[in-house]
């Protein structure tokens, strides 16, 4: 695993228990983690400083705006933003710098995917 120092992640999911679990795990590894329970909440925080996040993880199925739409809106402000879209349903990522993470996943699988989208390798 590479150093997580200075890497800020935004995780968007309407499953609040999952958000808390991932935040605790990732912060123990040194990541800085912000959470949002809706796409609208995530976008509001993101627009304050679009370069703040190294990577965004979003659920595909969110109430209102879905994860793919959220990624598109965020990339209007930060075109190079790496995005990981997760879902229990099959999904084919559209666009560069987007990865898919099938639910359910282990926290270590998330870390490996984050490292891939950031161009880092733990091997």
Foldseek 3Di string as FASTA:
>chain_A
DDQQALAEEEEEALPVVVLVVLCVVVVVSPYHYDYYNALVRVVVVCVVPLVNHQEYEYEQDGPDDGPLRSVVVSCVVVVLHAYEYEYCDDDDDDDPNYHYDYPPDDSVVVVCVSCVSSVHHPD
